[in-house]
Amino acid sequence: MAGYKILQAENQGIYLLKFIGEIRLNLCSTLDNLVESITQDPEFKTVVIDLTECEIIDSTTLGLLAKIAMAAQKRSHFLPTLVSTNPDITRIITSMGFDKIFIIVREPASRIEELEEIPVLRASEQQVRDKVLDAHRVLMGLNSRNREEFKNLVRALECEEHG
């Protein structure tokens, strides 16, 4: 059994994503592809992201979640929902400014039986670097604290990209 899993369900343009285990940059291509397919769906209205079984979430993943939140707001003017019962994860998402772009629910969601596992995509080192850079630029755009937090990482990745 892998140390991570992403499950998905959709009903009338409302997507549910459930993250299980350690969600890190090794899943960035999978997540980016998922964000693209969801936001390209003409029926897409909003998303509920269940982090109740997520043990670790990294900043690249957070940037991709911010990207989908902004797409949901632009499309339907609904704030998407994040469900987090883990105080450590809740602290991280709150410190990133996610309380401005998500409704954060600290109670577990009811059971949904129709979730399908998302297959993990393979990605080249360059593809991963591009996704990491894009995700962190999104995070930096959320607030000045994030801008300060990630500016050196983004600068280093940009130098690698052009160097």
Protein backbone atom coordinates (compact mmCIF):
# COMPACT_ATOMS: atom_id res chain seq x y z
CA MET A 1 0.00 0.00 0.00
CA ALA A 2 1.35 3.40 -0.96
CA GLY A 3 1.85 6.15 1.62
CA TYR A 4 -0.54 8.43 -0.25
CA LYS A 5 -3.77 8.38 -2.19
CA ILE A 6 -6.05 10.93 -3.83
CA LEU A 7 -9.73 10.09 -4.19
CA GLN A 8 -12.28 12.00 -6.24
CA ALA A 9 -16.02 12.23 -6.72
CA GLU A 10 -18.12 14.69 -8.74
CA ASN A 11 -21.82 15.48 -8.69
CA GLN A 12 -23.43 18.29 -10.70
CA GLY A 13 -20.20 20.27 -10.99
CA ILE A 14 -19.24 19.96 -7.32
CA TYR A 15 -16.01 18.03 -6.89
CA LEU A 16 -14.86 16.24 -3.77
CA LEU A 17 -11.17 15.46 -3.39
CA LYS A 18 -9.90 13.40 -0.47
CA PHE A 19 -6.19 13.35 0.29
CA ILE A 20 -4.87 10.40 2.28
CA GLY A 21 -1.37 10.09 3.74
CA GLU A 22 1.62 12.18 2.71
CA ILE A 23 0.74 14.56 -0.12
CA ARG A 24 4.02 15.96 -1.42
CA LEU A 25 5.60 17.26 -4.59
CA ASN A 26 5.87 13.73 -6.04
CA LEU A 27 2.14 14.16 -6.73
CA CYS A 28 2.41 17.66 -8.24
CA SER A 29 1.94 16.54 -11.86
CA THR A 30 -1.01 14.38 -10.86
CA LEU A 31 -2.55 17.26 -8.90
CA ASP A 32 -1.84 19.84 -11.58
CA ASN A 33 -3.46 17.59 -14.19
CA LEU A 34 -6.44 17.13 -11.87
CA VAL A 35 -6.74 20.90 -11.30
CA GLU A 36 -6.64 21.47 -15.07
CA SER A 37 -9.29 18.84 -15.82
CA ILE A 38 -11.61 20.06 -13.05
CA THR A 39 -11.32 23.73 -13.99
CA GLN A 40 -11.85 22.91 -17.70
CA ASP A 41 -15.11 21.10 -16.90
CA PRO A 42 -17.92 23.40 -18.12
CA GLU A 43 -20.10 22.14 -15.24
CA PHE A 44 -17.47 22.95 -12.58
CA LYS A 45 -18.89 25.03 -9.74
CA THR A 46 -16.79 24.41 -6.65
CA VAL A 47 -14.68 21.88 -4.80
CA VAL A 48 -14.59 20.33 -1.33
CA ILE A 49 -11.14 19.12 -0.30
CA ASP A 50 -11.06 16.62 2.56
CA LEU A 51 -7.73 16.63 4.42
CA THR A 52 -8.99 14.63 7.44
CA GLU A 53 -6.74 11.66 6.58
CA CYS A 54 -3.86 13.75 5.25
CA GLU A 55 -0.74 13.38 7.42
CA ILE A 56 1.65 15.71 5.59
CA ILE A 57 1.00 18.36 2.96
CA ASP A 58 3.78 20.40 1.36
CA SER A 59 3.85 23.93 0.00
CA THR A 60 3.72 22.81 -3.65
CA THR A 61 0.46 21.00 -2.95
CA LEU A 62 -0.84 24.04 -1.09
CA GLY A 63 -0.06 26.21 -4.12
CA LEU A 64 -2.05 23.86 -6.36
CA LEU A 65 -4.95 23.94 -3.88
CA ALA A 66 -4.84 27.74 -3.93
CA LYS A 67 -4.95 27.59 -7.73
CA ILE A 68 -8.12 25.48 -7.73
CA ALA A 69 -9.69 27.74 -5.06
CA MET A 70 -9.13 30.81 -7.20
CA ALA A 71 -10.54 29.03 -10.27
CA ALA A 72 -13.66 28.05 -8.29
CA GLN A 73 -14.18 31.61 -7.07
CA LYS A 74 -13.73 33.02 -10.56
CA ARG A 75 -16.11 30.47 -12.09
CA SER A 76 -18.97 30.41 -9.60
CA HIS A 77 -18.22 32.96 -6.89
CA PHE A 78 -18.50 30.13 -4.34
CA LEU A 79 -15.72 29.76 -1.81
CA PRO A 80 -14.48 26.18 -1.96
CA THR A 81 -14.30 24.17 1.25
CA LEU A 82 -11.33 22.59 3.02
CA VAL A 83 -12.06 19.99 5.71
CA SER A 84 -9.20 19.60 8.19
CA THR A 85 -9.40 17.87 11.56
CA ASN A 86 -5.62 17.71 12.06
CA PRO A 87 -4.54 20.77 14.12
CA ASP A 88 -1.07 20.81 12.46
CA ILE A 89 -2.53 20.86 8.95
CA THR A 90 -5.16 23.42 9.96
CA ARG A 91 -2.42 25.67 11.37
CA ILE A 92 -0.41 25.40 8.13
CA ILE A 93 -3.36 26.18 5.85
CA THR A 94 -4.45 29.06 8.06
CA SER A 95 -0.92 30.50 8.18
CA MET A 96 -0.83 30.41 4.36
CA GLY A 97 -3.93 32.62 4.20
CA PHE A 98 -6.28 29.86 3.09
CA ASP A 99 -8.99 31.20 5.39
CA LYS A 100 -9.37 33.99 2.79
CA ILE A 101 -9.88 31.66 -0.19
CA PHE A 102 -11.53 28.61 1.43
CA ILE A 103 -14.22 27.90 3.96
CA ILE A 104 -12.28 25.85 6.52
CA VAL A 105 -14.32 23.17 8.29
CA ARG A 106 -12.79 21.49 11.32
CA GLU A 107 -15.34 18.63 11.50
CA PRO A 108 -15.11 15.51 9.32
CA ALA A 109 -17.35 15.37 6.26
CA SER A 110 -20.00 12.70 6.00
CA ARG A 111 -19.02 9.50 4.21
CA ILE A 112 -19.09 9.52 0.44
CA GLU A 113 -19.02 6.08 -1.14
CA GLU A 114 -18.41 7.02 -4.78
CA LEU A 115 -14.80 8.18 -4.55
CA GLU A 116 -12.41 6.91 -7.21
CA GLU A 117 -8.66 6.78 -6.76
CA ILE A 118 -6.73 9.15 -9.03
CA PRO A 119 -3.87 7.39 -10.86
CA VAL A 120 -0.46 8.95 -10.16
CA LEU A 121 1.24 10.45 -13.22
CA ARG A 122 4.96 10.22 -13.91
CA ALA A 123 6.78 13.51 -14.46
CA SER A 124 10.24 14.59 -15.52
CA GLU A 125 12.43 16.61 -13.20
CA GLN A 126 11.77 19.70 -15.36
CA GLN A 127 8.00 19.17 -15.21
CA VAL A 128 8.18 18.85 -11.42
CA ARG A 129 10.34 21.99 -11.16
CA ASP A 130 7.84 23.93 -13.31
CA LYS A 131 4.91 22.80 -11.16
CA VAL A 132 6.76 23.62 -7.92
CA LEU A 133 7.61 27.09 -9.26
CA ASP A 134 4.04 27.76 -10.40
CA ALA A 135 2.53 26.52 -7.11
CA HIS A 136 4.82 28.73 -5.03
CA ARG A 137 4.09 31.78 -7.19
CA VAL A 138 0.38 31.21 -6.46
CA LEU A 139 1.12 31.01 -2.71
CA MET A 140 3.20 34.20 -2.89
CA GLY A 141 0.27 35.99 -4.47
CA LEU A 142 -1.98 35.24 -1.48
CA ASN A 143 -0.28 37.55 1.04
CA SER A 144 2.94 39.38 1.95
CA ARG A 145 3.94 36.78 4.57
CA ASN A 146 3.92 34.04 1.91
CA ARG A 147 5.73 36.36 -0.52
CA GLU A 148 8.52 36.77 2.02
CA GLU A 149 8.47 33.07 2.98
CA PHE A 150 8.90 31.72 -0.56
CA LYS A 151 10.79 34.46 -2.44
CA ASN A 152 14.20 32.78 -2.06
CA LEU A 153 12.89 29.40 -3.21
CA VAL A 154 11.18 30.96 -6.23
CA ARG A 155 14.29 32.99 -7.08
CA ALA A 156 16.45 29.84 -6.87
CA LEU A 157 14.05 27.85 -9.07
CA GLU A 158 13.91 30.69 -11.60
CA CYS A 159 17.73 30.79 -11.71
CA GLU A 160 17.83 27.02 -12.33
CA GLU A 161 15.24 27.42 -15.05
CA HIS A 162 17.20 30.13 -16.87
CA GLY A 163 20.66 28.96 -15.90
